[in-house]
Amino acid sequence: MTCIHEVVNQALTTGFLSLEAEERLRQLLQTTQYGVDEMNAFVNLQLAAMAGKIRQESRERLQQQRESECTLSCSAR
């Protein structure tokens, strides 16, 4: 079974958090008991994402969607 620390380490190593990894983290946080080390790993991932050190697939897709919507609404004028 994957632990929070493993998912976080992979994201920190690659600089990328996939949708699958993000969902796995949600599942782990909701369904498992975890200690301080696991929570610290998760917090470090959040800090890295806020600092722009980790790209998040979910945020990139949301940004692309917003840009597409803007392009469509601007071209309709």
C-alpha atoms as a PDB file:
ATOM      1  CA  MET A   1       0.000   0.000   0.000  1.00  0.00           C
ATOM      2  CA  THR A   2       1.220   3.455  -0.878  1.00  0.00           C
ATOM      3  CA  CYS A   3       1.752   5.897   1.949  1.00  0.00           C
ATOM      4  CA  ILE A   4       1.487   9.675   1.904  1.00  0.00           C
ATOM      5  CA  HIS A   5       5.249  10.007   2.168  1.00  0.00           C
ATOM      6  CA  GLU A   6       5.786   7.959  -1.020  1.00  0.00           C
ATOM      7  CA  VAL A   7       3.340  10.026  -3.074  1.00  0.00           C
ATOM      8  CA  VAL A   8       4.884  13.252  -1.782  1.00  0.00           C
ATOM      9  CA  ASN A   9       8.448  12.091  -2.471  1.00  0.00           C
ATOM     10  CA  GLN A  10       7.544  11.180  -6.036  1.00  0.00           C
ATOM     11  CA  ALA A  11       5.993  14.607  -6.632  1.00  0.00           C
ATOM     12  CA  LEU A  12       8.946  16.416  -5.065  1.00  0.00           C
ATOM     13  CA  THR A  13      11.401  14.346  -7.106  1.00  0.00           C
ATOM     14  CA  THR A  14       9.620  14.843 -10.430  1.00  0.00           C
ATOM     15  CA  GLY A  15       8.336  18.347  -9.753  1.00  0.00           C
ATOM     16  CA  PHE A  16       4.880  17.244 -10.895  1.00  0.00           C
ATOM     17  CA  LEU A  17       1.710  16.138  -9.111  1.00  0.00           C
ATOM     18  CA  SER A  18      -0.560  14.164 -11.413  1.00  0.00           C
ATOM     19  CA  LEU A  19      -4.323  13.944 -11.067  1.00  0.00           C
ATOM     20  CA  GLU A  20      -3.922  10.326 -10.010  1.00  0.00           C
ATOM     21  CA  ALA A  21      -1.406  11.184  -7.296  1.00  0.00           C
ATOM     22  CA  GLU A  22      -3.587  14.027  -6.059  1.00  0.00           C
ATOM     23  CA  GLU A  23      -6.579  11.681  -5.820  1.00  0.00           C
ATOM     24  CA  ARG A  24      -4.441   9.077  -4.053  1.00  0.00           C
ATOM     25  CA  LEU A  25      -3.418  11.679  -1.477  1.00  0.00           C
ATOM     26  CA  ARG A  26      -7.075  12.566  -0.897  1.00  0.00           C
ATOM     27  CA  GLN A  27      -7.926   8.913  -0.356  1.00  0.00           C
ATOM     28  CA  LEU A  28      -5.019   8.364   2.003  1.00  0.00           C
ATOM     29  CA  LEU A  29      -5.787  11.473   4.029  1.00  0.00           C
ATOM     30  CA  GLN A  30      -9.431  10.474   4.400  1.00  0.00           C
ATOM     31  CA  THR A  31      -9.093   6.747   5.009  1.00  0.00           C
ATOM     32  CA  THR A  32      -5.854   6.056   6.847  1.00  0.00           C
ATOM     33  CA  GLN A  33      -4.383   6.899  10.183  1.00  0.00           C
ATOM     34  CA  TYR A  34      -1.159   8.788   9.714  1.00  0.00           C
ATOM     35  CA  GLY A  35       1.479  10.191  11.967  1.00  0.00           C
ATOM     36  CA  VAL A  36       3.306  13.457  12.244  1.00  0.00           C
ATOM     37  CA  ASP A  37       5.884  12.452   9.607  1.00  0.00           C
ATOM     38  CA  GLU A  38       3.176  11.780   7.036  1.00  0.00           C
ATOM     39  CA  MET A  39       1.427  15.066   7.813  1.00  0.00           C
ATOM     40  CA  ASN A  40       4.721  16.961   7.613  1.00  0.00           C
ATOM     41  CA  ALA A  41       5.388  15.391   4.217  1.00  0.00           C
ATOM     42  CA  PHE A  42       1.979  16.557   3.009  1.00  0.00           C
ATOM     43  CA  VAL A  43       2.547  20.080   4.353  1.00  0.00           C
ATOM     44  CA  ASN A  44       5.936  20.191   2.596  1.00  0.00           C
ATOM     45  CA  LEU A  45       4.210  19.261  -0.653  1.00  0.00           C
ATOM     46  CA  GLN A  46       1.691  22.061  -0.170  1.00  0.00           C
ATOM     47  CA  LEU A  47       4.473  24.554   0.519  1.00  0.00           C
ATOM     48  CA  ALA A  48       6.384  23.422  -2.561  1.00  0.00           C
ATOM     49  CA  ALA A  49       3.257  23.809  -4.694  1.00  0.00           C
ATOM     50  CA  MET A  50       2.584  27.307  -3.338  1.00  0.00           C
ATOM     51  CA  ALA A  51       6.204  28.260  -4.064  1.00  0.00           C
ATOM     52  CA  GLY A  52       5.867  27.038  -7.656  1.00  0.00           C
ATOM     53  CA  LYS A  53       8.309  24.170  -7.207  1.00  0.00           C
ATOM     54  CA  ILE A  54       5.646  21.582  -8.013  1.00  0.00           C
ATOM     55  CA  ARG A  55       3.434  21.688 -11.081  1.00  0.00           C
ATOM     56  CA  GLN A  56      -0.085  20.413 -10.451  1.00  0.00           C
ATOM     57  CA  GLU A  57      -1.903  18.764 -13.321  1.00  0.00           C
ATOM     58  CA  SER A  58      -5.267  19.810 -11.855  1.00  0.00           C
ATOM     59  CA  ARG A  59      -4.275  23.488 -11.785  1.00  0.00           C
ATOM     60  CA  GLU A  60      -2.820  23.330 -15.290  1.00  0.00           C
ATOM     61  CA  ARG A  61      -6.025  21.824 -16.655  1.00  0.00           C
ATOM     62  CA  LEU A  62      -8.133  24.430 -14.875  1.00  0.00           C
ATOM     63  CA  GLN A  63      -5.960  27.205 -16.317  1.00  0.00           C
ATOM     64  CA  GLN A  64      -6.271  25.738 -19.823  1.00  0.00           C
ATOM     65  CA  GLN A  65     -10.039  25.530 -19.425  1.00  0.00           C
ATOM     66  CA  ARG A  66     -10.251  29.160 -18.314  1.00  0.00           C
ATOM     67  CA  GLU A  67      -8.068  30.289 -21.211  1.00  0.00           C
ATOM     68  CA  SER A  68     -10.263  28.374 -23.663  1.00  0.00           C
ATOM     69  CA  GLU A  69     -13.408  29.936 -22.212  1.00  0.00           C
ATOM     70  CA  CYS A  70     -11.855  33.394 -22.426  1.00  0.00           C
ATOM     71  CA  THR A  71     -10.820  32.827 -26.034  1.00  0.00           C
ATOM     72  CA  LEU A  72     -14.331  31.705 -26.943  1.00  0.00           C
ATOM     73  CA  SER A  73     -16.032  34.617 -25.192  1.00  0.00           C
ATOM     74  CA  CYS A  74     -13.591  37.156 -26.644  1.00  0.00           C
ATOM     75  CA  SER A  75     -14.017  35.846 -30.195  1.00  0.00           C
ATOM     76  CA  ALA A  76     -17.822  35.980 -29.858  1.00  0.00           C
ATOM     77  CA  ARG A  77     -17.711  39.761 -29.413  1.00  0.00           C
END
